[in-house]
């Protein structure tokens, strides 16, 4: 990841964290959780045809992805910063040698 991509990731992470801290995010989480519960019940009932089953599972996966987005982006940023720190430490050791 180059410096421009890192800056972009940092900005996105800050915006997503701000969004997740807003009251609207809590409302979105509540609505998504209720929607997931409905889909889970439909799947567990076992009366769906194969295509509808696949669509329901994909829908739930999408909902879970959105709900986990703030943590995923923060982890991606932390990982990138950690990698950069390791690279700088290795470069410093190489320069000292």
PDB file of N, CA and C in Angstrom:
ATOM      1  N   UNK A   1       0.854  -1.174   0.000  1.00  0.00           N
ATOM      2  CA  UNK A   1       0.000   0.000   0.000  1.00  0.00           C
ATOM      3  C   UNK A   1       0.895   1.231   0.000  1.00  0.00           C
ATOM      4  N   UNK A   2       0.639   2.131  -0.942  1.00  0.00           N
ATOM      5  CA  UNK A   2       1.459   3.342  -0.985  1.00  0.00           C
ATOM      6  C   UNK A   2       0.895   4.394  -0.013  1.00  0.00           C
ATOM      7  N   UNK A   3       1.586   5.523   0.071  1.00  0.00           N
ATOM      8  CA  UNK A   3       1.200   6.559   1.033  1.00  0.00           C
ATOM      9  C   UNK A   3      -0.176   7.150   0.740  1.00  0.00           C
ATOM     10  N   UNK A   4      -0.497   7.316  -0.540  1.00  0.00           N
ATOM     11  CA  UNK A   4      -1.817   7.857  -0.900  1.00  0.00           C
ATOM     12  C   UNK A   4      -2.932   6.898  -0.491  1.00  0.00           C
ATOM     13  N   UNK A   5      -2.710   5.615  -0.712  1.00  0.00           N
ATOM     14  CA  UNK A   5      -3.709   4.611  -0.320  1.00  0.00           C
ATOM     15  C   UNK A   5      -3.862   4.553   1.195  1.00  0.00           C
ATOM     16  N   UNK A   6      -2.747   4.701   1.911  1.00  0.00           N
ATOM     17  CA  UNK A   6      -2.819   4.722   3.380  1.00  0.00           C
ATOM     18  C   UNK A   6      -3.614   5.928   3.856  1.00  0.00           C
ATOM     19  N   UNK A   7      -3.343   7.085   3.269  1.00  0.00           N
ATOM     20  CA  UNK A   7      -4.080   8.299   3.649  1.00  0.00           C
ATOM     21  C   UNK A   7      -5.578   8.122   3.388  1.00  0.00           C
ATOM     22  N   UNK A   8      -5.903   7.524   2.239  1.00  0.00           N
ATOM     23  CA  UNK A   8      -7.300   7.262   1.898  1.00  0.00           C
ATOM     24  C   UNK A   8      -7.927   6.316   2.917  1.00  0.00           C
ATOM     25  N   UNK A   9      -7.212   5.271   3.284  1.00  0.00           N
ATOM     26  CA  UNK A   9      -7.719   4.320   4.279  1.00  0.00           C
ATOM     27  C   UNK A   9      -7.923   5.006   5.630  1.00  0.00           C
ATOM     28  N   UNK A  10      -7.000   5.861   6.021  1.00  0.00           N
ATOM     29  CA  UNK A  10      -7.135   6.591   7.285  1.00  0.00           C
ATOM     30  C   UNK A  10      -8.369   7.489   7.272  1.00  0.00           C
ATOM     31  N   UNK A  11      -8.593   8.171   6.151  1.00  0.00           N
ATOM     32  CA  UNK A  11      -9.767   9.036   6.040  1.00  0.00           C
ATOM     33  C   UNK A  11     -11.053   8.219   6.089  1.00  0.00           C
ATOM     34  N   UNK A  12     -11.076   7.119   5.353  1.00  0.00           N
ATOM     35  CA  UNK A  12     -12.264   6.256   5.348  1.00  0.00           C
ATOM     36  C   UNK A  12     -12.522   5.680   6.727  1.00  0.00           C
ATOM     37  N   UNK A  13     -11.467   5.275   7.398  1.00  0.00           N
ATOM     38  CA  UNK A  13     -11.603   4.714   8.745  1.00  0.00           C
ATOM     39  C   UNK A  13     -12.198   5.753   9.697  1.00  0.00           C
ATOM     40  N   UNK A  14     -11.717   6.980   9.602  1.00  0.00           N
ATOM     41  CA  UNK A  14     -12.236   8.046  10.463  1.00  0.00           C
ATOM     42  C   UNK A  14     -13.709   8.321  10.160  1.00  0.00           C
ATOM     43  N   UNK A  15     -14.057   8.371   8.879  1.00  0.00           N
ATOM     44  CA  UNK A  15     -15.453   8.621   8.505  1.00  0.00           C
ATOM     45  C   UNK A  15     -16.373   7.487   8.939  1.00  0.00           C
ATOM     46  N   UNK A  16     -15.913   6.260   8.777  1.00  0.00           N
ATOM     47  CA  UNK A  16     -16.730   5.105   9.177  1.00  0.00           C
ATOM     48  C   UNK A  16     -16.869   5.060  10.693  1.00  0.00           C
ATOM     49  N   UNK A  17     -15.797   5.378  11.414  1.00  0.00           N
ATOM     50  CA  UNK A  17     -15.877   5.416  12.879  1.00  0.00           C
ATOM     51  C   UNK A  17     -16.857   6.494  13.332  1.00  0.00           C
ATOM     52  N   UNK A  18     -16.827   7.646  12.661  1.00  0.00           N
ATOM     53  CA  UNK A  18     -17.761   8.736  12.979  1.00  0.00           C
ATOM     54  C   UNK A  18     -19.202   8.291  12.707  1.00  0.00           C
ATOM     55  N   UNK A  19     -19.405   7.625  11.578  1.00  0.00           N
ATOM     56  CA  UNK A  19     -20.734   7.125  11.231  1.00  0.00           C
ATOM     57  C   UNK A  19     -21.218   6.100  12.269  1.00  0.00           C
ATOM     58  N   UNK A  20     -20.320   5.197  12.668  1.00  0.00           N
ATOM     59  CA  UNK A  20     -20.698   4.156  13.623  1.00  0.00           C
ATOM     60  C   UNK A  20     -20.996   4.725  15.007  1.00  0.00           C
ATOM     61  N   UNK A  21     -20.468   5.906  15.295  1.00  0.00           N
ATOM     62  CA  UNK A  21     -20.726   6.533  16.594  1.00  0.00           C
ATOM     63  C   UNK A  21     -22.020   7.336  16.600  1.00  0.00           C
ATOM     64  N   UNK A  22     -22.641   7.504  15.448  1.00  0.00           N
ATOM     65  CA  UNK A  22     -23.849   8.318  15.367  1.00  0.00           C
ATOM     66  C   UNK A  22     -25.085   7.524  15.800  1.00  0.00           C
ATOM     67  N   UNK A  23     -26.140   8.216  16.228  1.00  0.00           N
ATOM     68  CA  UNK A  23     -27.387   7.524  16.592  1.00  0.00           C
ATOM     69  C   UNK A  23     -27.995   6.754  15.415  1.00  0.00           C
ATOM     70  N   UNK A  24     -27.767   7.244  14.210  1.00  0.00           N
ATOM     71  CA  UNK A  24     -28.292   6.567  13.032  1.00  0.00           C
ATOM     72  C   UNK A  24     -27.716   5.168  12.864  1.00  0.00           C
ATOM     73  N   UNK A  25     -26.444   4.994  13.248  1.00  0.00           N
ATOM     74  CA  UNK A  25     -25.825   3.671  13.147  1.00  0.00           C
ATOM     75  C   UNK A  25     -26.530   2.689  14.070  1.00  0.00           C
ATOM     76  N   UNK A  26     -26.852   3.125  15.269  1.00  0.00           N
ATOM     77  CA  UNK A  26     -27.559   2.245  16.211  1.00  0.00           C
ATOM     78  C   UNK A  26     -28.908   1.827  15.631  1.00  0.00           C
ATOM     79  N   UNK A  27     -29.575   2.753  14.958  1.00  0.00           N
ATOM     80  CA  UNK A  27     -30.853   2.420  14.321  1.00  0.00           C
ATOM     81  C   UNK A  27     -30.645   1.427  13.183  1.00  0.00           C
ATOM     82  N   UNK A  28     -29.592   1.619  12.410  1.00  0.00           N
ATOM     83  CA  UNK A  28     -29.285   0.694  11.324  1.00  0.00           C
ATOM     84  C   UNK A  28     -28.988  -0.701  11.859  1.00  0.00           C
ATOM     85  N   UNK A  29     -28.213  -0.773  12.927  1.00  0.00           N
ATOM     86  CA  UNK A  29     -27.880  -2.064  13.540  1.00  0.00           C
ATOM     87  C   UNK A  29     -29.146  -2.751  14.037  1.00  0.00           C
ATOM     88  N   UNK A  30     -30.030  -2.017  14.682  1.00  0.00           N
ATOM     89  CA  UNK A  30     -31.287  -2.597  15.164  1.00  0.00           C
ATOM     90  C   UNK A  30     -32.118  -3.146  14.011  1.00  0.00           C
ATOM     91  N   UNK A  31     -32.229  -2.365  12.947  1.00  0.00           N
ATOM     92  CA  UNK A  31     -33.032  -2.793  11.793  1.00  0.00           C
ATOM     93  C   UNK A  31     -32.404  -3.989  11.095  1.00  0.00           C
ATOM     94  N   UNK A  32     -31.102  -3.951  10.913  1.00  0.00           N
ATOM     95  CA  UNK A  32     -30.408  -5.062  10.255  1.00  0.00           C
ATOM     96  C   UNK A  32     -30.511  -6.333  11.094  1.00  0.00           C
ATOM     97  N   UNK A  33     -30.386  -6.210  12.393  1.00  0.00           N
ATOM     98  CA  UNK A  33     -30.482  -7.371  13.279  1.00  0.00           C
ATOM     99  C   UNK A  33     -31.871  -7.990  13.186  1.00  0.00           C
ATOM    100  N   UNK A  34     -32.885  -7.165  13.175  1.00  0.00           N
ATOM    101  CA  UNK A  34     -34.255  -7.676  13.041  1.00  0.00           C
ATOM    102  C   UNK A  34     -34.444  -8.357  11.689  1.00  0.00           C
ATOM    103  N   UNK A  35     -33.902  -7.762  10.650  1.00  0.00           N
ATOM    104  CA  UNK A  35     -34.008  -8.337   9.315  1.00  0.00           C
ATOM    105  C   UNK A  35     -33.279  -9.674   9.225  1.00  0.00           C
ATOM    106  N   UNK A  36     -32.110  -9.749   9.841  1.00  0.00           N
ATOM    107  CA  UNK A  36     -31.348 -10.999   9.851  1.00  0.00           C
ATOM    108  C   UNK A  36     -32.132 -12.086  10.584  1.00  0.00           C
ATOM    109  N   UNK A  37     -32.740 -11.722  11.709  1.00  0.00           N
ATOM    110  CA  UNK A  37     -33.529 -12.706  12.469  1.00  0.00           C
ATOM    111  C   UNK A  37     -34.656 -13.299  11.623  1.00  0.00           C
ATOM    112  N   UNK A  38     -35.331 -12.441  10.870  1.00  0.00           N
ATOM    113  CA  UNK A  38     -36.428 -12.906  10.000  1.00  0.00           C
ATOM    114  C   UNK A  38     -35.886 -13.877   8.959  1.00  0.00           C
ATOM    115  N   UNK A  39     -34.783 -13.513   8.311  1.00  0.00           N
ATOM    116  CA  UNK A  39     -34.197 -14.389   7.297  1.00  0.00           C
ATOM    117  C   UNK A  39     -33.703 -15.698   7.909  1.00  0.00           C
ATOM    118  N   UNK A  40     -33.099 -15.614   9.091  1.00  0.00           N
ATOM    119  CA  UNK A  40     -32.632 -16.837   9.751  1.00  0.00           C
ATOM    120  C   UNK A  40     -33.798 -17.774  10.029  1.00  0.00           C
ATOM    121  N   UNK A  41     -34.907 -17.227  10.470  1.00  0.00           N
ATOM    122  CA  UNK A  41     -36.078 -18.058  10.759  1.00  0.00           C
ATOM    123  C   UNK A  41     -36.601 -18.716   9.486  1.00  0.00           C
ATOM    124  N   UNK A  42     -36.618 -17.948   8.396  1.00  0.00           N
ATOM    125  CA  UNK A  42     -37.054 -18.519   7.115  1.00  0.00           C
ATOM    126  C   UNK A  42     -36.156 -19.682   6.708  1.00  0.00           C
ATOM    127  N   UNK A  43     -34.852 -19.523   6.873  1.00  0.00           N
ATOM    128  CA  UNK A  43     -33.904 -20.581   6.505  1.00  0.00           C
ATOM    129  C   UNK A  43     -34.078 -21.792   7.420  1.00  0.00           C
ATOM    130  N   UNK A  44     -34.222 -21.532   8.718  1.00  0.00           N
ATOM    131  CA  UNK A  44     -34.349 -22.632   9.676  1.00  0.00           C
ATOM    132  C   UNK A  44     -35.642 -23.415   9.512  1.00  0.00           C
ATOM    133  N   UNK A  45     -36.660 -22.772   9.003  1.00  0.00           N
ATOM    134  CA  UNK A  45     -37.918 -23.485   8.767  1.00  0.00           C
ATOM    135  C   UNK A  45     -37.748 -24.588   7.728  1.00  0.00           C
ATOM    136  N   UNK A  46     -36.770 -24.459   6.861  1.00  0.00           N
ATOM    137  CA  UNK A  46     -36.449 -25.493   5.895  1.00  0.00           C
ATOM    138  C   UNK A  46     -37.426 -25.629   4.750  1.00  0.00           C
ATOM    139  N   UNK A  47     -38.252 -24.641   4.522  1.00  0.00           N
ATOM    140  CA  UNK A  47     -39.256 -24.737   3.456  1.00  0.00           C
ATOM    141  C   UNK A  47     -38.890 -23.929   2.212  1.00  0.00           C
ATOM    142  N   UNK A  48     -37.649 -23.476   2.132  1.00  0.00           N
ATOM    143  CA  UNK A  48     -37.219 -22.672   0.988  1.00  0.00           C
ATOM    144  C   UNK A  48     -36.671 -23.576  -0.112  1.00  0.00           C
ATOM    145  N   UNK A  49     -36.938 -23.182  -1.350  1.00  0.00           N
ATOM    146  CA  UNK A  49     -36.292 -23.905  -2.441  1.00  0.00           C
ATOM    147  C   UNK A  49     -34.821 -23.485  -2.468  1.00  0.00           C
ATOM    148  N   UNK A  50     -34.028 -24.201  -3.229  1.00  0.00           N
ATOM    149  CA  UNK A  50     -32.579 -24.001  -3.208  1.00  0.00           C
ATOM    150  C   UNK A  50     -32.176 -22.573  -3.576  1.00  0.00           C
ATOM    151  N   UNK A  51     -32.752 -22.019  -4.615  1.00  0.00           N
ATOM    152  CA  UNK A  51     -32.395 -20.660  -5.042  1.00  0.00           C
ATOM    153  C   UNK A  51     -32.755 -19.621  -3.985  1.00  0.00           C
ATOM    154  N   UNK A  52     -33.926 -19.753  -3.393  1.00  0.00           N
ATOM    155  CA  UNK A  52     -34.346 -18.813  -2.348  1.00  0.00           C
ATOM    156  C   UNK A  52     -33.461 -18.954  -1.119  1.00  0.00           C
ATOM    157  N   UNK A  53     -33.075 -20.184  -0.815  1.00  0.00           N
ATOM    158  CA  UNK A  53     -32.153 -20.434   0.301  1.00  0.00           C
ATOM    159  C   UNK A  53     -30.829 -19.705   0.056  1.00  0.00           C
ATOM    160  N   UNK A  54     -30.289 -19.841  -1.144  1.00  0.00           N
ATOM    161  CA  UNK A  54     -29.022 -19.178  -1.468  1.00  0.00           C
ATOM    162  C   UNK A  54     -29.157 -17.662  -1.394  1.00  0.00           C
ATOM    163  N   UNK A  55     -30.268 -17.124  -1.878  1.00  0.00           N
ATOM    164  CA  UNK A  55     -30.493 -15.678  -1.824  1.00  0.00           C
ATOM    165  C   UNK A  55     -30.600 -15.192  -0.384  1.00  0.00           C
ATOM    166  N   UNK A  56     -31.285 -15.953   0.450  1.00  0.00           N
ATOM    167  CA  UNK A  56     -31.422 -15.571   1.865  1.00  0.00           C
ATOM    168  C   UNK A  56     -30.069 -15.580   2.565  1.00  0.00           C
ATOM    169  N   UNK A  57     -29.268 -16.596   2.291  1.00  0.00           N
ATOM    170  CA  UNK A  57     -27.937 -16.668   2.904  1.00  0.00           C
ATOM    171  C   UNK A  57     -27.045 -15.527   2.432  1.00  0.00           C
ATOM    172  N   UNK A  58     -27.113 -15.214   1.143  1.00  0.00           N
ATOM    173  CA  UNK A  58     -26.321 -14.109   0.612  1.00  0.00           C
ATOM    174  C   UNK A  58     -26.776 -12.776   1.207  1.00  0.00           C
ATOM    175  N   UNK A  59     -28.073 -12.610   1.379  1.00  0.00           N
ATOM    176  CA  UNK A  59     -28.621 -11.395   1.985  1.00  0.00           C
ATOM    177  C   UNK A  59     -28.088 -11.234   3.413  1.00  0.00           C
ATOM    178  N   UNK A  60     -28.116 -12.318   4.174  1.00  0.00           N
ATOM    179  CA  UNK A  60     -27.623 -12.257   5.553  1.00  0.00           C
ATOM    180  C   UNK A  60     -26.119 -11.982   5.585  1.00  0.00           C
ATOM    181  N   UNK A  61     -25.369 -12.598   4.686  1.00  0.00           N
ATOM    182  CA  UNK A  61     -23.925 -12.334   4.615  1.00  0.00           C
ATOM    183  C   UNK A  61     -23.664 -10.853   4.355  1.00  0.00           C
ATOM    184  N   UNK A  62     -24.440 -10.263   3.466  1.00  0.00           N
ATOM    185  CA  UNK A  62     -24.293  -8.841   3.180  1.00  0.00           C
ATOM    186  C   UNK A  62     -24.590  -7.983   4.402  1.00  0.00           C
ATOM    187  N   UNK A  63     -25.636  -8.346   5.119  1.00  0.00           N
ATOM    188  CA  UNK A  63     -25.986  -7.606   6.336  1.00  0.00           C
ATOM    189  C   UNK A  63     -24.859  -7.717   7.371  1.00  0.00           C
ATOM    190  N   UNK A  64     -24.343  -8.932   7.554  1.00  0.00           N
ATOM    191  CA  UNK A  64     -23.246  -9.130   8.509  1.00  0.00           C
ATOM    192  C   UNK A  64     -22.013  -8.330   8.090  1.00  0.00           C
ATOM    193  N   UNK A  65     -21.739  -8.293   6.794  1.00  0.00           N
ATOM    194  CA  UNK A  65     -20.585  -7.542   6.294  1.00  0.00           C
ATOM    195  C   UNK A  65     -20.702  -6.068   6.674  1.00  0.00           C
ATOM    196  N   UNK A  66     -21.873  -5.492   6.457  1.00  0.00           N
ATOM    197  CA  UNK A  66     -22.085  -4.079   6.788  1.00  0.00           C
ATOM    198  C   UNK A  66     -21.946  -3.842   8.290  1.00  0.00           C
ATOM    199  N   UNK A  67     -22.525  -4.722   9.086  1.00  0.00           N
ATOM    200  CA  UNK A  67     -22.458  -4.546  10.539  1.00  0.00           C
ATOM    201  C   UNK A  67     -21.029  -4.644  11.059  1.00  0.00           C
ATOM    202  N   UNK A  68     -20.199  -5.425  10.397  1.00  0.00           N
ATOM    203  CA  UNK A  68     -18.818  -5.613  10.840  1.00  0.00           C
ATOM    204  C   UNK A  68     -17.844  -4.634  10.192  1.00  0.00           C
ATOM    205  N   UNK A  69     -18.335  -3.787   9.311  1.00  0.00           N
ATOM    206  CA  UNK A  69     -17.467  -2.889   8.557  1.00  0.00           C
ATOM    207  C   UNK A  69     -16.600  -1.973   9.425  1.00  0.00           C
ATOM    208  N   UNK A  70     -17.128  -1.312  10.447  1.00  0.00           N
ATOM    209  CA  UNK A  70     -16.253  -0.442  11.242  1.00  0.00           C
ATOM    210  C   UNK A  70     -15.070  -1.193  11.848  1.00  0.00           C
ATOM    211  N   UNK A  71     -15.312  -2.368  12.365  1.00  0.00           N
ATOM    212  CA  UNK A  71     -14.218  -3.153  12.939  1.00  0.00           C
ATOM    213  C   UNK A  71     -13.242  -3.653  11.891  1.00  0.00           C
ATOM    214  N   UNK A  72     -13.762  -4.045  10.736  1.00  0.00           N
ATOM    215  CA  UNK A  72     -12.897  -4.532   9.653  1.00  0.00           C
ATOM    216  C   UNK A  72     -11.959  -3.446   9.151  1.00  0.00           C
ATOM    217  N   UNK A  73     -12.501  -2.256   8.933  1.00  0.00           N
ATOM    218  CA  UNK A  73     -11.683  -1.155   8.413  1.00  0.00           C
ATOM    219  C   UNK A  73     -10.654  -0.733   9.450  1.00  0.00           C
ATOM    220  N   UNK A  74     -11.043  -0.674  10.705  1.00  0.00           N
ATOM    221  CA  UNK A  74     -10.101  -0.314  11.768  1.00  0.00           C
ATOM    222  C   UNK A  74      -8.980  -1.352  11.873  1.00  0.00           C
ATOM    223  N   UNK A  75      -9.327  -2.634  11.745  1.00  0.00           N
ATOM    224  CA  UNK A  75      -8.322  -3.698  11.802  1.00  0.00           C
ATOM    225  C   UNK A  75      -7.386  -3.624  10.603  1.00  0.00           C
ATOM    226  N   UNK A  76      -7.932  -3.311   9.426  1.00  0.00           N
ATOM    227  CA  UNK A  76      -7.101  -3.177   8.227  1.00  0.00           C
ATOM    228  C   UNK A  76      -6.094  -2.037   8.392  1.00  0.00           C
ATOM    229  N   UNK A  77      -6.561  -0.918   8.943  1.00  0.00           N
ATOM    230  CA  UNK A  77      -5.673   0.217   9.171  1.00  0.00           C
ATOM    231  C   UNK A  77      -4.614  -0.133  10.215  1.00  0.00           C
ATOM    232  N   UNK A  78      -5.014  -0.755  11.303  1.00  0.00           N
ATOM    233  CA  UNK A  78      -4.055  -1.135  12.347  1.00  0.00           C
ATOM    234  C   UNK A  78      -3.011  -2.098  11.797  1.00  0.00           C
ATOM    235  N   UNK A  79      -3.439  -3.028  10.961  1.00  0.00           N
ATOM    236  CA  UNK A  79      -2.514  -3.987  10.364  1.00  0.00           C
ATOM    237  C   UNK A  79      -1.512  -3.275   9.456  1.00  0.00           C
ATOM    238  N   UNK A  80      -1.992  -2.368   8.636  1.00  0.00           N
ATOM    239  CA  UNK A  80      -1.104  -1.636   7.731  1.00  0.00           C
ATOM    240  C   UNK A  80      -0.106  -0.790   8.508  1.00  0.00           C
ATOM    241  N   UNK A  81      -0.567  -0.106   9.556  1.00  0.00           N
ATOM    242  CA  UNK A  81       0.340   0.711  10.363  1.00  0.00           C
ATOM    243  C   UNK A  81       1.380  -0.150  11.067  1.00  0.00           C
ATOM    244  N   UNK A  82       0.966  -1.328  11.521  1.00  0.00           N
ATOM    245  CA  UNK A  82       1.893  -2.258  12.164  1.00  0.00           C
ATOM    246  C   UNK A  82       2.952  -2.743  11.166  1.00  0.00           C
ATOM    247  N   UNK A  83       2.524  -3.077   9.961  1.00  0.00           N
ATOM    248  CA  UNK A  83       3.470  -3.506   8.933  1.00  0.00           C
ATOM    249  C   UNK A  83       4.464  -2.405   8.599  1.00  0.00           C
ATOM    250  N   UNK A  84       3.978  -1.197   8.507  1.00  0.00           N
ATOM    251  CA  UNK A  84       4.875  -0.071   8.203  1.00  0.00           C
ATOM    252  C   UNK A  84       5.877   0.149   9.327  1.00  0.00           C
ATOM    253  N   UNK A  85       5.410   0.010  10.568  1.00  0.00           N
ATOM    254  CA  UNK A  85       6.311   0.177  11.706  1.00  0.00           C
ATOM    255  C   UNK A  85       7.400  -0.892  11.685  1.00  0.00           C
ATOM    256  N   UNK A  86       7.016  -2.132  11.390  1.00  0.00           N
ATOM    257  CA  UNK A  86       8.000  -3.215  11.299  1.00  0.00           C
ATOM    258  C   UNK A  86       9.014  -2.932  10.201  1.00  0.00           C
ATOM    259  N   UNK A  87       8.526  -2.429   9.060  1.00  0.00           N
ATOM    260  CA  UNK A  87       9.434  -2.114   7.952  1.00  0.00           C
ATOM    261  C   UNK A  87      10.426  -1.022   8.340  1.00  0.00           C
ATOM    262  N   UNK A  88       9.934  -0.003   9.056  1.00  0.00           N
ATOM    263  CA  UNK A  88      10.819   1.079   9.489  1.00  0.00           C
ATOM    264  C   UNK A  88      11.855   0.567  10.482  1.00  0.00           C
ATOM    265  N   UNK A  89      11.443  -0.317  11.386  1.00  0.00           N
ATOM    266  CA  UNK A  89      12.385  -0.883  12.354  1.00  0.00           C
ATOM    267  C   UNK A  89      13.451  -1.716  11.654  1.00  0.00           C
ATOM    268  N   UNK A  90      13.037  -2.507  10.659  1.00  0.00           N
ATOM    269  CA  UNK A  90      14.004  -3.321   9.908  1.00  0.00           C
ATOM    270  C   UNK A  90      14.972  -2.434   9.129  1.00  0.00           C
ATOM    271  N   UNK A  91      14.458  -1.366   8.542  1.00  0.00           N
ATOM    272  CA  UNK A  91      15.318  -0.440   7.817  1.00  0.00           C
ATOM    273  C   UNK A  91      16.322   0.224   8.755  1.00  0.00           C
ATOM    274  N   UNK A  92      15.844   0.567   9.964  1.00  0.00           N
ATOM    275  CA  UNK A  92      16.736   1.187  10.938  1.00  0.00           C
ATOM    276  C   UNK A  92      17.832   0.206  11.358  1.00  0.00           C
ATOM    277  N   UNK A  93      17.489  -1.051  11.524  1.00  0.00           N
ATOM    278  CA  UNK A  93      18.493  -2.057  11.886  1.00  0.00           C
ATOM    279  C   UNK A  93      19.484  -2.264  10.746  1.00  0.00           C
ATOM    280  N   UNK A  94      18.987  -2.270   9.511  1.00  0.00           N
ATOM    281  CA  UNK A  94      19.866  -2.431   8.354  1.00  0.00           C
ATOM    282  C   UNK A  94      20.823  -1.235   8.223  1.00  0.00           C
ATOM    283  N   UNK A  95      20.297  -0.028   8.489  1.00  0.00           N
ATOM    284  CA  UNK A  95      21.125   1.164   8.411  1.00  0.00           C
ATOM    285  C   UNK A  95      22.192   1.178   9.499  1.00  0.00           C
ATOM    286  N   UNK A  96      21.846   0.642  10.683  1.00  0.00           N
ATOM    287  CA  UNK A  96      22.780   0.611  11.804  1.00  0.00           C
ATOM    288  C   UNK A  96      23.883  -0.425  11.571  1.00  0.00           C
ATOM    289  N   UNK A  97      23.616  -1.414  10.785  1.00  0.00           N
ATOM    290  CA  UNK A  97      24.594  -2.484  10.549  1.00  0.00           C
ATOM    291  C   UNK A  97      25.604  -2.128   9.518  1.00  0.00           C
TER     292      UNK A  97
END
